[in-house]
Amino acid sequence: MVKTGILGLKLGLAMIFGPLLAPGAVVANGINFADYAEVPAKGLLRRRHPELADGRIVLFLNRLNFKKGLDVLIPAFAEAAKEADDLRLVLAGPDDGMESRARAWVRECGIEDKTVFTGMLTGRQIQQAYRDAEMFALPSYSENFGIAVVEAMAMGVPVLISDKVNIWREVADAGAGLVSAPDVDAFSRLIRRAAAPDFDLAGMGGAGRELARTRFDWSEIGGALEALYRSVSEERAEAA
């Protein structure tokens, strides 16, 4: 039995060995890295939203849902923008019950002139948004995997995520992003750190792209899954 879940595909052997003896294994979800080989030209998101001008974009690209941590991101961004006036917050994604509240938080934080709601993006528009972003932000309260995080890394965008995104350890170990609790003060520090003039965003983005290629490409994941099935098959044959 193969079950999709936390961090990807879990192989359960309860039906073979009984529930008390069933081992588990984890194989990550993934992307087709080849889809990110040719990236779009810069500036296409800004062309559609000229109010962004040449500001540095902090990109949220996901459903506008409470669990994604919008109540953390918006005030955290507002605090960081006090020190870096050229930062702009882009909230891209379909409304999943939180857009009106998110707009209210933006007004309450006084950052209406620094925030753009794009609505749902599709196809090449998604890569265009990543291409123009200075950094990607996702302070989720709960995230089984975080495919948008991997997509951002594949595009070479440094990621700022919470430690509730279940690939945060891989991200941190690879130097592909910054991690904190889903807390306003902690996440604001991440944004300020990434926005500092001496911070190596390009290096972090490069590390993220390499992580996406070597750890989360389907060609790599397929091989891991094949090896897992082979191991299970061999163990079953030995037990017969």
C-alpha atoms as a PDB file:
ATOM      1  CA  MET A   1       0.000   0.000   0.000  1.00  0.00           C
ATOM      2  CA  VAL A   2       1.440   3.361  -1.029  1.00  0.00           C
ATOM      3  CA  LYS A   3       0.087   6.401   0.771  1.00  0.00           C
ATOM      4  CA  THR A   4       0.814  10.045  -0.007  1.00  0.00           C
ATOM      5  CA  GLY A   5       1.421  12.097   3.100  1.00  0.00           C
ATOM      6  CA  ILE A   6       4.003  13.993   5.090  1.00  0.00           C
ATOM      7  CA  LEU A   7       7.086  14.655   2.968  1.00  0.00           C
ATOM      8  CA  GLY A   8       5.754  12.601   0.166  1.00  0.00           C
ATOM      9  CA  LEU A   9       5.138   8.887  -0.361  1.00  0.00           C
ATOM     10  CA  LYS A  10       5.030   6.495   2.590  1.00  0.00           C
ATOM     11  CA  LEU A  11       5.215   2.772   2.072  1.00  0.00           C
ATOM     12  CA  GLY A  12       3.252   0.770   4.678  1.00  0.00           C
ATOM     13  CA  LEU A  13       3.660  -2.971   5.046  1.00  0.00           C
ATOM     14  CA  ALA A  14       0.905  -3.596   7.558  1.00  0.00           C
ATOM     15  CA  MET A  15      -1.038  -5.792   5.126  1.00  0.00           C
ATOM     16  CA  ILE A  16       2.009  -8.049   4.705  1.00  0.00           C
ATOM     17  CA  PHE A  17       3.625  -8.259   8.139  1.00  0.00           C
ATOM     18  CA  GLY A  18       0.838  -7.102  10.437  1.00  0.00           C
ATOM     19  CA  PRO A  19       0.332  -3.672  12.001  1.00  0.00           C
ATOM     20  CA  LEU A  20       2.847  -4.136  14.800  1.00  0.00           C
ATOM     21  CA  LEU A  21       5.671  -5.065  12.451  1.00  0.00           C
ATOM     22  CA  ALA A  22       5.036  -2.585   9.671  1.00  0.00           C
ATOM     23  CA  PRO A  23       8.121  -0.464   8.951  1.00  0.00           C
ATOM     24  CA  GLY A  24       7.847   2.859   7.192  1.00  0.00           C
ATOM     25  CA  ALA A  25       9.845   4.735   4.615  1.00  0.00           C
ATOM     26  CA  VAL A  26       9.629   8.257   3.243  1.00  0.00           C
ATOM     27  CA  VAL A  27      10.185   9.381  -0.335  1.00  0.00           C
ATOM     28  CA  ALA A  28       9.744  13.083  -1.072  1.00  0.00           C
ATOM     29  CA  ASN A  29       7.294  14.730  -3.436  1.00  0.00           C
ATOM     30  CA  GLY A  30       8.942  16.472  -6.342  1.00  0.00           C
ATOM     31  CA  ILE A  31       8.978  18.652  -9.424  1.00  0.00           C
ATOM     32  CA  ASN A  32      10.136  18.243 -12.992  1.00  0.00           C
ATOM     33  CA  PHE A  33      13.283  20.352 -12.748  1.00  0.00           C
ATOM     34  CA  ALA A  34      13.537  20.564 -16.533  1.00  0.00           C
ATOM     35  CA  ASP A  35      10.482  22.833 -16.449  1.00  0.00           C
ATOM     36  CA  TYR A  36      12.681  25.445 -14.768  1.00  0.00           C
ATOM     37  CA  ALA A  37      15.618  25.234 -17.170  1.00  0.00           C
ATOM     38  CA  GLU A  38      14.439  28.211 -19.222  1.00  0.00           C
ATOM     39  CA  VAL A  39      13.191  30.961 -16.966  1.00  0.00           C
ATOM     40  CA  PRO A  40      11.129  33.910 -18.227  1.00  0.00           C
ATOM     41  CA  ALA A  41      12.530  37.390 -18.644  1.00  0.00           C
ATOM     42  CA  LYS A  42      12.530  39.632 -15.613  1.00  0.00           C
ATOM     43  CA  GLY A  43       9.972  42.382 -15.235  1.00  0.00           C
ATOM     44  CA  LEU A  44       6.795  40.728 -16.521  1.00  0.00           C
ATOM     45  CA  LEU A  45       5.064  40.755 -13.120  1.00  0.00           C
ATOM     46  CA  ARG A  46       6.051  44.394 -12.665  1.00  0.00           C
ATOM     47  CA  ARG A  47       4.674  45.199 -16.103  1.00  0.00           C
ATOM     48  CA  ARG A  48       1.267  43.917 -15.021  1.00  0.00           C
ATOM     49  CA  HIS A  49       1.558  45.732 -11.678  1.00  0.00           C
ATOM     50  CA  PRO A  50       3.456  48.984 -12.282  1.00  0.00           C
ATOM     51  CA  GLU A  51       2.796  50.040  -8.696  1.00  0.00           C
ATOM     52  CA  LEU A  52       5.616  47.645  -7.780  1.00  0.00           C
ATOM     53  CA  ALA A  53       8.015  49.892  -9.709  1.00  0.00           C
ATOM     54  CA  ASP A  54      11.553  48.676  -8.946  1.00  0.00           C
ATOM     55  CA  GLY A  55      10.859  47.739  -5.326  1.00  0.00           C
ATOM     56  CA  ARG A  56      12.274  44.537  -3.888  1.00  0.00           C
ATOM     57  CA  ILE A  57       9.506  41.929  -3.857  1.00  0.00           C
ATOM     58  CA  VAL A  58       8.704  39.632  -0.954  1.00  0.00           C
ATOM     59  CA  LEU A  59       6.500  37.024  -2.630  1.00  0.00           C
ATOM     60  CA  PHE A  60       3.766  34.932  -1.047  1.00  0.00           C
ATOM     61  CA  LEU A  61       2.400  32.542  -3.684  1.00  0.00           C
ATOM     62  CA  ASN A  62      -0.211  30.200  -2.283  1.00  0.00           C
ATOM     63  CA  ARG A  63      -3.840  29.939  -1.299  1.00  0.00           C
ATOM     64  CA  LEU A  64      -5.020  32.837   0.858  1.00  0.00           C
ATOM     65  CA  ASN A  65      -5.807  30.520   3.742  1.00  0.00           C
ATOM     66  CA  PHE A  66      -5.347  31.049   7.466  1.00  0.00           C
ATOM     67  CA  LYS A  67      -2.955  28.116   7.914  1.00  0.00           C
ATOM     68  CA  LYS A  68      -0.499  29.759   5.526  1.00  0.00           C
ATOM     69  CA  GLY A  69       0.369  32.309   8.214  1.00  0.00           C
ATOM     70  CA  LEU A  70      -0.881  35.523   6.630  1.00  0.00           C
ATOM     71  CA  ASP A  71      -1.506  36.921  10.110  1.00  0.00           C
ATOM     72  CA  VAL A  72       2.230  36.456  10.678  1.00  0.00           C
ATOM     73  CA  LEU A  73       3.525  37.549   7.285  1.00  0.00           C
ATOM     74  CA  ILE A  74       1.646  40.832   6.910  1.00  0.00           C
ATOM     75  CA  PRO A  75       2.645  42.462  10.227  1.00  0.00           C
ATOM     76  CA  ALA A  76       6.138  40.927   9.982  1.00  0.00           C
ATOM     77  CA  PHE A  77       6.567  42.522   6.578  1.00  0.00           C
ATOM     78  CA  ALA A  78       5.220  45.833   7.885  1.00  0.00           C
ATOM     79  CA  GLU A  79       7.854  45.887  10.626  1.00  0.00           C
ATOM     80  CA  ALA A  80      10.658  44.982   8.218  1.00  0.00           C
ATOM     81  CA  ALA A  81       9.522  47.626   5.718  1.00  0.00           C
ATOM     82  CA  LYS A  82      10.089  50.328   8.322  1.00  0.00           C
ATOM     83  CA  GLU A  83      13.815  49.679   7.906  1.00  0.00           C
ATOM     84  CA  ALA A  84      13.734  48.842   4.183  1.00  0.00           C
ATOM     85  CA  ASP A  85      11.305  51.222   2.520  1.00  0.00           C
ATOM     86  CA  ASP A  86      11.829  49.709  -0.936  1.00  0.00           C
ATOM     87  CA  LEU A  87      10.349  46.336   0.035  1.00  0.00           C
ATOM     88  CA  ARG A  88       7.051  45.372  -1.586  1.00  0.00           C
ATOM     89  CA  LEU A  89       4.746  42.545  -0.532  1.00  0.00           C
ATOM     90  CA  VAL A  90       3.038  40.522  -3.272  1.00  0.00           C
ATOM     91  CA  LEU A  91       0.220  38.242  -2.142  1.00  0.00           C
ATOM     92  CA  ALA A  92      -0.455  35.946  -5.088  1.00  0.00           C
ATOM     93  CA  GLY A  93      -3.036  33.206  -5.060  1.00  0.00           C
ATOM     94  CA  PRO A  94      -6.738  32.415  -4.999  1.00  0.00           C
ATOM     95  CA  ASP A  95      -8.931  33.424  -2.095  1.00  0.00           C
ATOM     96  CA  ASP A  96      -9.472  30.481   0.244  1.00  0.00           C
ATOM     97  CA  GLY A  97     -11.440  32.353   2.865  1.00  0.00           C
ATOM     98  CA  MET A  98      -8.856  34.906   3.986  1.00  0.00           C
ATOM     99  CA  GLU A  99      -8.557  37.629   1.350  1.00  0.00           C
ATOM    100  CA  SER A 100     -10.903  40.130   3.001  1.00  0.00           C
ATOM    101  CA  ARG A 101      -9.184  39.623   6.363  1.00  0.00           C
ATOM    102  CA  ALA A 102      -5.748  39.876   4.755  1.00  0.00           C
ATOM    103  CA  ARG A 103      -6.741  43.171   3.138  1.00  0.00           C
ATOM    104  CA  ALA A 104      -7.906  44.400   6.529  1.00  0.00           C
ATOM    105  CA  TRP A 105      -4.557  43.476   8.096  1.00  0.00           C
ATOM    106  CA  VAL A 106      -2.772  45.330   5.303  1.00  0.00           C
ATOM    107  CA  ARG A 107      -4.835  48.446   6.036  1.00  0.00           C
ATOM    108  CA  GLU A 108      -4.319  48.117   9.794  1.00  0.00           C
ATOM    109  CA  CYS A 109      -0.554  47.826   9.283  1.00  0.00           C
ATOM    110  CA  GLY A 110      -0.490  50.865   7.008  1.00  0.00           C
ATOM    111  CA  ILE A 111       1.152  49.083   4.073  1.00  0.00           C
ATOM    112  CA  GLU A 112      -1.525  49.424   1.387  1.00  0.00           C
ATOM    113  CA  ASP A 113       0.944  51.347  -0.784  1.00  0.00           C
ATOM    114  CA  LYS A 114       3.483  48.539  -0.447  1.00  0.00           C
ATOM    115  CA  THR A 115       1.177  45.556  -1.028  1.00  0.00           C
ATOM    116  CA  VAL A 116      -0.237  44.009  -4.196  1.00  0.00           C
ATOM    117  CA  PHE A 117      -2.914  41.305  -4.379  1.00  0.00           C
ATOM    118  CA  THR A 118      -2.598  39.596  -7.752  1.00  0.00           C
ATOM    119  CA  GLY A 119      -5.334  37.003  -7.476  1.00  0.00           C
ATOM    120  CA  MET A 120      -4.744  33.518  -8.812  1.00  0.00           C
ATOM    121  CA  LEU A 121      -1.752  33.069 -11.132  1.00  0.00           C
ATOM    122  CA  THR A 122      -1.571  30.279 -13.699  1.00  0.00           C
ATOM    123  CA  GLY A 123       0.937  28.789 -16.131  1.00  0.00           C
ATOM    124  CA  ARG A 124       3.855  31.027 -16.998  1.00  0.00           C
ATOM    125  CA  GLN A 125       2.509  33.774 -14.723  1.00  0.00           C
ATOM    126  CA  ILE A 126       3.682  31.709 -11.757  1.00  0.00           C
ATOM    127  CA  GLN A 127       7.273  31.543 -12.992  1.00  0.00           C
ATOM    128  CA  GLN A 128       7.124  35.235 -13.890  1.00  0.00           C
ATOM    129  CA  ALA A 129       6.229  36.022 -10.278  1.00  0.00           C
ATOM    130  CA  TYR A 130       9.123  33.935  -8.962  1.00  0.00           C
ATOM    131  CA  ARG A 131      11.450  35.562 -11.481  1.00  0.00           C
ATOM    132  CA  ASP A 132      10.735  39.063 -10.187  1.00  0.00           C
ATOM    133  CA  ALA A 133      10.834  38.117  -6.496  1.00  0.00           C
ATOM    134  CA  GLU A 134      13.707  39.025  -4.226  1.00  0.00           C
ATOM    135  CA  MET A 135      12.594  36.395  -1.726  1.00  0.00           C
ATOM    136  CA  PHE A 136       9.733  33.937  -1.173  1.00  0.00           C
ATOM    137  CA  ALA A 137       7.875  33.867   2.153  1.00  0.00           C
ATOM    138  CA  LEU A 138       5.711  31.138   3.684  1.00  0.00           C
ATOM    139  CA  PRO A 139       5.286  31.289   7.497  1.00  0.00           C
ATOM    140  CA  SER A 140       2.782  28.411   7.559  1.00  0.00           C
ATOM    141  CA  TYR A 141       1.331  26.940  10.709  1.00  0.00           C
ATOM    142  CA  SER A 142       1.208  23.535   9.024  1.00  0.00           C
ATOM    143  CA  GLU A 143       2.607  22.293   5.717  1.00  0.00           C
ATOM    144  CA  ASN A 144       2.857  18.616   4.779  1.00  0.00           C
ATOM    145  CA  PHE A 145       5.476  19.321   2.140  1.00  0.00           C
ATOM    146  CA  GLY A 146       5.435  22.779   0.588  1.00  0.00           C
ATOM    147  CA  ILE A 147       5.599  22.357  -3.190  1.00  0.00           C
ATOM    148  CA  ALA A 148       5.627  26.149  -3.675  1.00  0.00           C
ATOM    149  CA  VAL A 149       8.817  26.269  -1.612  1.00  0.00           C
ATOM    150  CA  VAL A 150      10.492  23.780  -3.955  1.00  0.00           C
ATOM    151  CA  GLU A 151       9.227  25.675  -7.006  1.00  0.00           C
ATOM    152  CA  ALA A 152      10.696  28.902  -5.628  1.00  0.00           C
ATOM    153  CA  MET A 153      14.036  27.201  -5.011  1.00  0.00           C
ATOM    154  CA  ALA A 154      14.015  25.733  -8.524  1.00  0.00           C
ATOM    155  CA  MET A 155      13.682  29.308  -9.776  1.00  0.00           C
ATOM    156  CA  GLY A 156      16.662  30.368  -7.654  1.00  0.00           C
ATOM    157  CA  VAL A 157      14.589  32.381  -5.175  1.00  0.00           C
ATOM    158  CA  PRO A 158      15.748  32.366  -1.517  1.00  0.00           C
ATOM    159  CA  VAL A 159      12.968  31.076   0.737  1.00  0.00           C
ATOM    160  CA  LEU A 160      11.875  32.319   4.144  1.00  0.00           C
ATOM    161  CA  ILE A 161       9.756  29.659   5.813  1.00  0.00           C
ATOM    162  CA  SER A 162       8.460  28.555   9.180  1.00  0.00           C
ATOM    163  CA  ASP A 163       9.616  25.455  10.990  1.00  0.00           C
ATOM    164  CA  LYS A 164       6.137  24.017  10.388  1.00  0.00           C
ATOM    165  CA  VAL A 165       6.959  23.517   6.702  1.00  0.00           C
ATOM    166  CA  ASN A 166       8.088  19.920   6.767  1.00  0.00           C
ATOM    167  CA  ILE A 167      11.109  20.341   4.502  1.00  0.00           C
ATOM    168  CA  TRP A 168      12.581  23.122   6.642  1.00  0.00           C
ATOM    169  CA  ARG A 169      15.496  20.959   7.788  1.00  0.00           C
ATOM    170  CA  GLU A 170      16.574  20.218   4.220  1.00  0.00           C
ATOM    171  CA  VAL A 171      16.272  23.912   3.374  1.00  0.00           C
ATOM    172  CA  ALA A 172      18.294  25.015   6.395  1.00  0.00           C
ATOM    173  CA  ASP A 173      20.986  22.344   5.976  1.00  0.00           C
ATOM    174  CA  ALA A 174      21.511  23.318   2.328  1.00  0.00           C
ATOM    175  CA  GLY A 175      21.691  27.030   3.091  1.00  0.00           C
ATOM    176  CA  ALA A 176      18.776  27.500   0.699  1.00  0.00           C
ATOM    177  CA  GLY A 177      16.701  29.704   2.979  1.00  0.00           C
ATOM    178  CA  LEU A 178      16.024  31.076   6.433  1.00  0.00           C
ATOM    179  CA  VAL A 179      13.753  29.434   9.000  1.00  0.00           C
ATOM    180  CA  SER A 180      11.926  30.639  12.095  1.00  0.00           C
ATOM    181  CA  ALA A 181       8.853  29.868  14.147  1.00  0.00           C
ATOM    182  CA  PRO A 182       5.573  31.195  12.692  1.00  0.00           C
ATOM    183  CA  ASP A 183       5.831  34.245  14.911  1.00  0.00           C
ATOM    184  CA  VAL A 184       5.600  37.903  13.872  1.00  0.00           C
ATOM    185  CA  ASP A 185       8.802  39.086  15.566  1.00  0.00           C
ATOM    186  CA  ALA A 186      10.832  36.059  14.497  1.00  0.00           C
ATOM    187  CA  PHE A 187       9.643  36.201  10.902  1.00  0.00           C
ATOM    188  CA  SER A 188      10.198  39.941  10.708  1.00  0.00           C
ATOM    189  CA  ARG A 189      13.814  39.314  11.684  1.00  0.00           C
ATOM    190  CA  LEU A 190      14.119  36.856   8.779  1.00  0.00           C
ATOM    191  CA  ILE A 191      12.857  39.441   6.303  1.00  0.00           C
ATOM    192  CA  ARG A 192      15.127  42.141   7.696  1.00  0.00           C
ATOM    193  CA  ARG A 193      18.109  39.809   7.605  1.00  0.00           C
ATOM    194  CA  ALA A 194      17.441  38.773   4.003  1.00  0.00           C
ATOM    195  CA  ALA A 195      16.871  42.407   2.980  1.00  0.00           C
ATOM    196  CA  ALA A 196      20.141  43.640   4.510  1.00  0.00           C
ATOM    197  CA  PRO A 197      22.562  45.094   1.909  1.00  0.00           C
ATOM    198  CA  ASP A 198      25.347  42.675   2.811  1.00  0.00           C
ATOM    199  CA  PHE A 199      23.222  39.516   2.739  1.00  0.00           C
ATOM    200  CA  ASP A 200      24.148  37.045   0.000  1.00  0.00           C
ATOM    201  CA  LEU A 201      20.729  36.442  -1.536  1.00  0.00           C
ATOM    202  CA  ALA A 202      22.259  35.264  -4.806  1.00  0.00           C
ATOM    203  CA  GLY A 203      24.299  32.610  -3.032  1.00  0.00           C
ATOM    204  CA  MET A 204      21.267  31.410  -1.098  1.00  0.00           C
ATOM    205  CA  GLY A 205      19.199  31.321  -4.267  1.00  0.00           C
ATOM    206  CA  GLY A 206      21.866  29.247  -5.989  1.00  0.00           C
ATOM    207  CA  ALA A 207      21.939  26.800  -3.086  1.00  0.00           C
ATOM    208  CA  GLY A 208      18.172  26.466  -3.312  1.00  0.00           C
ATOM    209  CA  ARG A 209      18.262  25.755  -7.031  1.00  0.00           C
ATOM    210  CA  GLU A 210      20.870  23.051  -6.463  1.00  0.00           C
ATOM    211  CA  LEU A 211      18.787  21.523  -3.666  1.00  0.00           C
ATOM    212  CA  ALA A 212      15.718  21.446  -5.912  1.00  0.00           C
ATOM    213  CA  ARG A 213      17.732  19.761  -8.662  1.00  0.00           C
ATOM    214  CA  THR A 214      19.486  17.129  -6.559  1.00  0.00           C
ATOM    215  CA  ARG A 215      16.846  16.358  -3.935  1.00  0.00           C
ATOM    216  CA  PHE A 216      13.416  17.136  -5.349  1.00  0.00           C
ATOM    217  CA  ASP A 217      13.588  16.392  -9.088  1.00  0.00           C
ATOM    218  CA  TRP A 218      11.361  13.469 -10.085  1.00  0.00           C
ATOM    219  CA  SER A 219      14.311  11.735 -11.745  1.00  0.00           C
ATOM    220  CA  GLU A 220      16.014  11.552  -8.350  1.00  0.00           C
ATOM    221  CA  ILE A 221      12.824  10.663  -6.480  1.00  0.00           C
ATOM    222  CA  GLY A 222      11.900   7.953  -8.985  1.00  0.00           C
ATOM    223  CA  GLY A 223      15.200   6.211  -8.378  1.00  0.00           C
ATOM    224  CA  ALA A 224      14.700   6.369  -4.612  1.00  0.00           C
ATOM    225  CA  LEU A 225      11.199   4.946  -4.919  1.00  0.00           C
ATOM    226  CA  GLU A 226      12.394   2.151  -7.195  1.00  0.00           C
ATOM    227  CA  ALA A 227      15.118   1.238  -4.692  1.00  0.00           C
ATOM    228  CA  LEU A 228      12.539   1.212  -1.908  1.00  0.00           C
ATOM    229  CA  TYR A 229      10.233  -1.161  -3.768  1.00  0.00           C
ATOM    230  CA  ARG A 230      13.184  -3.399  -4.632  1.00  0.00           C
ATOM    231  CA  SER A 231      14.223  -3.544  -0.974  1.00  0.00           C
ATOM    232  CA  VAL A 232      10.706  -4.455   0.134  1.00  0.00           C
ATOM    233  CA  SER A 233      10.440  -7.111  -2.554  1.00  0.00           C
ATOM    234  CA  GLU A 234      13.769  -8.647  -1.548  1.00  0.00           C
ATOM    235  CA  GLU A 235      12.830  -8.660   2.138  1.00  0.00           C
ATOM    236  CA  ARG A 236       9.525 -10.347   1.376  1.00  0.00           C
ATOM    237  CA  ALA A 237      11.262 -12.976  -0.769  1.00  0.00           C
ATOM    238  CA  GLU A 238      13.725 -13.738   2.048  1.00  0.00           C
ATOM    239  CA  ALA A 239      10.875 -14.070   4.551  1.00  0.00           C
ATOM    240  CA  ALA A 240       8.933 -16.495   2.303  1.00  0.00           C
END
